[in-house]
Protein backbone atom coordinates (compact mmCIF):
# COMPACT_ATOMS: atom_id res chain seq x y z
CA MET A 1 9.05 -34.24 -19.14
CA ILE A 2 6.98 -36.96 -17.46
CA GLY A 3 7.96 -35.73 -13.96
CA SER A 4 6.87 -32.18 -14.72
CA HIS A 5 3.58 -33.48 -16.16
CA ARG A 6 2.92 -35.38 -12.90
CA HIS A 7 3.82 -32.27 -10.92
CA LEU A 8 1.41 -30.18 -13.00
CA MET A 9 -1.38 -32.77 -12.59
CA SER A 10 -0.84 -32.82 -8.80
CA LEU A 11 -0.94 -29.03 -8.73
CA ARG A 12 -4.18 -29.02 -10.71
CA ARG A 13 -5.76 -31.48 -8.25
CA VAL A 14 -4.76 -29.27 -5.30
CA LEU A 15 -6.21 -26.18 -7.02
CA ILE A 16 -9.47 -28.00 -7.83
CA ALA A 17 -9.77 -29.17 -4.21
CA LEU A 18 -9.18 -25.61 -2.93
CA CYS A 19 -11.73 -24.20 -5.37
CA CYS A 20 -14.31 -26.77 -4.24
CA LEU A 21 -13.55 -26.08 -0.59
CA PHE A 22 -13.90 -22.31 -0.91
CA SER A 23 -16.54 -22.09 -3.66
CA PRO A 24 -19.78 -20.33 -2.76
CA SER A 25 -22.67 -22.54 -1.77
CA GLN A 26 -26.35 -21.77 -2.33
CA SER A 27 -27.02 -22.56 1.32
CA TYR A 28 -24.81 -19.63 2.46
CA PRO A 29 -26.21 -16.41 0.99
CA GLU A 30 -24.11 -14.18 3.29
CA GLU A 31 -22.01 -11.43 1.75
CA LEU A 32 -18.33 -11.00 2.46
CA LYS A 33 -17.88 -9.06 5.70
CA LEU A 34 -14.74 -7.02 6.38
CA GLN A 35 -13.01 -8.42 9.48
CA SER A 36 -9.74 -6.48 9.59
CA LEU A 37 -7.25 -4.27 7.77
CA SER A 38 -3.48 -4.71 8.09
CA ILE A 39 -0.27 -3.04 7.05
CA ARG A 40 2.71 -5.36 6.62
CA ALA A 41 6.45 -5.15 6.04
CA ARG A 42 9.11 -7.80 5.38
CA VAL A 43 11.56 -8.23 8.25
CA SER A 44 13.67 -11.29 7.33
CA GLU A 45 15.39 -13.02 4.39
CA GLN A 46 15.31 -16.55 5.87
CA THR A 47 14.31 -19.12 3.19
CA LEU A 48 11.97 -21.94 4.21
CA LEU A 49 10.58 -23.25 0.89
CA GLY A 50 12.57 -23.88 -2.28
CA ASP A 51 15.91 -22.37 -3.24
CA ASP A 52 17.41 -19.22 -1.77
CA ALA A 53 16.32 -16.15 -3.71
CA PRO A 54 19.32 -14.56 -5.48
CA GLU A 55 17.98 -11.06 -4.73
CA ASP A 56 17.16 -9.36 -1.44
CA PHE A 57 13.61 -8.00 -1.45
CA GLU A 58 11.77 -5.38 0.50
CA ALA A 59 8.00 -5.85 0.64
CA TYR A 60 5.26 -3.58 1.94
CA ASP A 61 1.53 -4.03 1.54
CA VAL A 62 -1.96 -3.45 2.85
CA ALA A 63 -4.27 -6.42 3.41
CA ALA A 64 -7.98 -6.79 4.05
CA ASN A 65 -9.53 -9.91 5.57
CA PHE A 66 -13.13 -10.79 4.70
CA SER A 67 -15.07 -13.48 6.52
CA LEU A 68 -16.38 -16.38 4.48
CA PRO A 69 -19.54 -18.23 5.57
CA TRP A 70 -17.93 -21.52 6.64
CA GLN A 71 -17.23 -21.46 10.35
CA ASP A 72 -17.67 -23.56 13.49
CA TYR A 73 -17.21 -21.85 16.85
CA SER A 74 -18.14 -23.29 20.24
CA THR A 75 -20.16 -21.43 22.86
CA SER A 76 -16.84 -20.47 24.47
CA GLY A 77 -16.03 -18.43 21.32
CA TRP A 78 -13.13 -20.63 20.12
CA GLY A 79 -13.11 -22.66 16.92
CA MET A 80 -12.38 -22.44 13.22
CA GLY A 81 -13.54 -20.36 10.30
CA THR A 82 -12.66 -19.31 6.77
CA ARG A 83 -11.77 -15.95 5.30
CA LEU A 84 -10.43 -14.32 2.18
CA MET A 85 -7.27 -12.24 2.48
CA VAL A 86 -6.72 -9.74 -0.33
CA SER A 87 -3.66 -7.51 -0.48
CA ALA A 88 -1.97 -4.88 -2.60
CA GLY A 89 1.57 -3.66 -2.19
CA MET A 90 5.08 -3.03 -3.44
CA LEU A 91 7.95 -5.45 -3.97
CA GLN A 92 11.39 -3.81 -4.30
CA ALA A 93 14.75 -5.29 -5.30
CA THR A 94 17.67 -4.76 -7.66
CA GLY A 95 16.26 -3.88 -11.04
CA GLY A 96 13.14 -2.07 -9.91
CA ASN A 97 9.81 -2.24 -8.18
CA ALA A 98 6.69 -4.31 -8.76
CA PHE A 99 3.08 -3.76 -7.80
CA VAL A 100 1.68 -6.99 -6.34
CA VAL A 101 -1.97 -7.94 -5.70
CA SER A 102 -3.10 -11.21 -4.17
CA ALA A 103 -6.21 -13.13 -3.12
CA ILE A 104 -5.77 -16.01 -0.69
CA PRO A 105 -8.57 -18.09 0.88
CA GLU A 106 -7.59 -19.10 4.42
CA LEU A 107 -8.59 -21.52 7.14
CA THR A 108 -8.43 -19.85 10.56
CA LEU A 109 -8.26 -21.22 14.10
CA GLY A 110 -8.77 -19.09 17.18
CA SER A 111 -11.28 -16.80 18.81
CA GLU A 112 -14.50 -15.90 17.00
CA ASN A 113 -13.89 -12.18 17.64
CA GLY A 114 -10.55 -12.43 15.77
CA ARG A 115 -8.40 -11.32 18.70
CA PHE A 116 -6.29 -14.52 18.61
CA THR A 117 -5.85 -16.15 15.20
CA LEU A 118 -3.79 -18.81 13.52
CA ASP A 119 -4.32 -19.09 9.75
CA LEU A 120 -3.16 -21.10 6.76
CA GLY A 121 -3.99 -20.39 3.12
CA ALA A 122 -3.17 -20.89 -0.54
CA GLY A 123 -4.11 -18.61 -3.43
CA GLY A 124 -2.67 -16.50 -6.19
CA ALA A 125 -0.88 -13.22 -6.84
CA LEU A 126 -0.23 -11.00 -9.84
CA PHE A 127 3.09 -9.15 -10.24
CA SER A 128 3.44 -6.08 -12.48
CA LYS A 129 7.10 -7.15 -12.93
CA TYR A 130 8.59 -10.58 -12.33
CA ARG A 131 12.31 -10.17 -13.13
CA PHE A 132 14.61 -8.42 -10.66
CA GLY A 133 18.34 -8.51 -11.39
CA MET A 134 19.24 -12.21 -11.16
CA GLN A 135 15.81 -13.20 -9.78
CA ASP A 136 13.23 -14.54 -12.24
CA TYR A 137 9.86 -15.51 -10.79
CA GLY A 138 8.89 -16.93 -14.20
CA GLY A 139 5.77 -14.95 -14.96
CA PRO A 140 3.26 -12.40 -13.69
CA PHE A 141 1.03 -15.03 -11.99
CA GLN A 142 2.42 -16.61 -8.83
CA PHE A 143 0.99 -19.13 -6.42
CA ALA A 144 0.90 -17.78 -2.88
CA LEU A 145 1.14 -19.82 0.32
CA THR A 146 0.75 -18.21 3.71
CA PHE A 147 0.77 -18.93 7.42
CA GLY A 148 0.08 -16.31 10.07
CA VAL A 149 -0.55 -15.74 13.74
CA GLY A 150 -2.11 -12.67 15.35
CA VAL A 151 -2.53 -11.48 18.94
CA PRO A 152 -4.25 -8.42 20.47
CA LEU A 153 -2.28 -5.29 21.30
CA PHE A 154 -4.79 -2.72 22.51
CA ASN A 155 -8.57 -2.56 21.96
CA ASN A 156 -9.06 -3.35 18.24
CA LEU A 157 -5.35 -3.21 17.34
CA GLY A 158 -3.40 -6.42 16.87
CA LEU A 159 0.13 -7.51 16.06
CA GLY A 160 1.02 -10.50 13.95
CA TYR A 161 3.62 -12.51 12.10
CA ARG A 162 3.03 -13.67 8.51
CA PHE A 163 5.03 -16.10 6.40
CA LEU A 164 4.31 -15.61 2.70
CA HIS A 165 5.78 -17.67 -0.15
CA TYR A 166 5.47 -16.76 -3.85
CA SER A 167 6.35 -19.27 -6.56
CA ASP A 168 5.24 -20.28 -10.05
CA ALA A 169 5.53 -23.94 -8.89
CA GLY A 170 7.67 -24.72 -11.93
CA VAL A 171 4.89 -23.85 -14.41
CA ASN A 172 7.22 -21.50 -16.32
CA GLY A 173 10.22 -23.83 -16.24
CA ALA A 174 12.73 -25.23 -13.81
CA ASP A 175 15.00 -22.15 -13.87
CA THR A 176 12.59 -19.87 -11.97
CA THR A 177 12.91 -19.07 -8.28
CA GLY A 178 10.26 -18.01 -5.79
CA ALA A 179 10.84 -16.12 -2.56
CA ASP A 180 9.87 -16.30 1.11
CA PHE A 181 8.74 -13.29 3.10
CA HIS A 182 8.70 -13.11 6.88
CA MET A 183 6.50 -10.14 7.70
CA ILE A 184 5.29 -8.21 10.72
CA GLU A 185 1.72 -6.96 10.46
CA LEU A 186 -0.19 -4.35 12.41
CA SER A 187 -3.92 -4.90 12.13
CA TYR A 188 -7.19 -3.23 13.04
CA ARG A 189 -10.23 -5.46 13.71
CA PHE A 190 -13.76 -4.26 12.96
């Protein structure tokens, strides 16, 4: 019980730090600006974080990336920025389908025009269903961790890889299991 309390307290500290990092500031009155739209599909079952998922999932979604005001790019056009990735899609496995929506603030490195990007983020997701056969995510709210890389294909089109991990971080008990998603994404930059 004490170990799970410490884990929960650590998780709360991380969430508070992320909220402070990505909270709006009065000195940045800019609105969110749409940077890109992507379609994504899961291509691998390889587990990186946590236990192996007992079910095999298919995942498809659409994502939109909005620029956030915190950025620092050099005159060469390379640097770092922040953005908000929101997505909506379908998760399929034994026992049915789930509608999944997520919002993930990200730190990005790369070119200011978004042609080359490397990103890392943590946020949350809501599942319309969280039990699939032997897989129990633990609840409708899941923490979402992501890492991605994108490169240009042709004009405004880009191709990317995205690692996405969903987990309840043990909030709903020790017998829940998250899942890792290795995804290919096709994007259009505005």
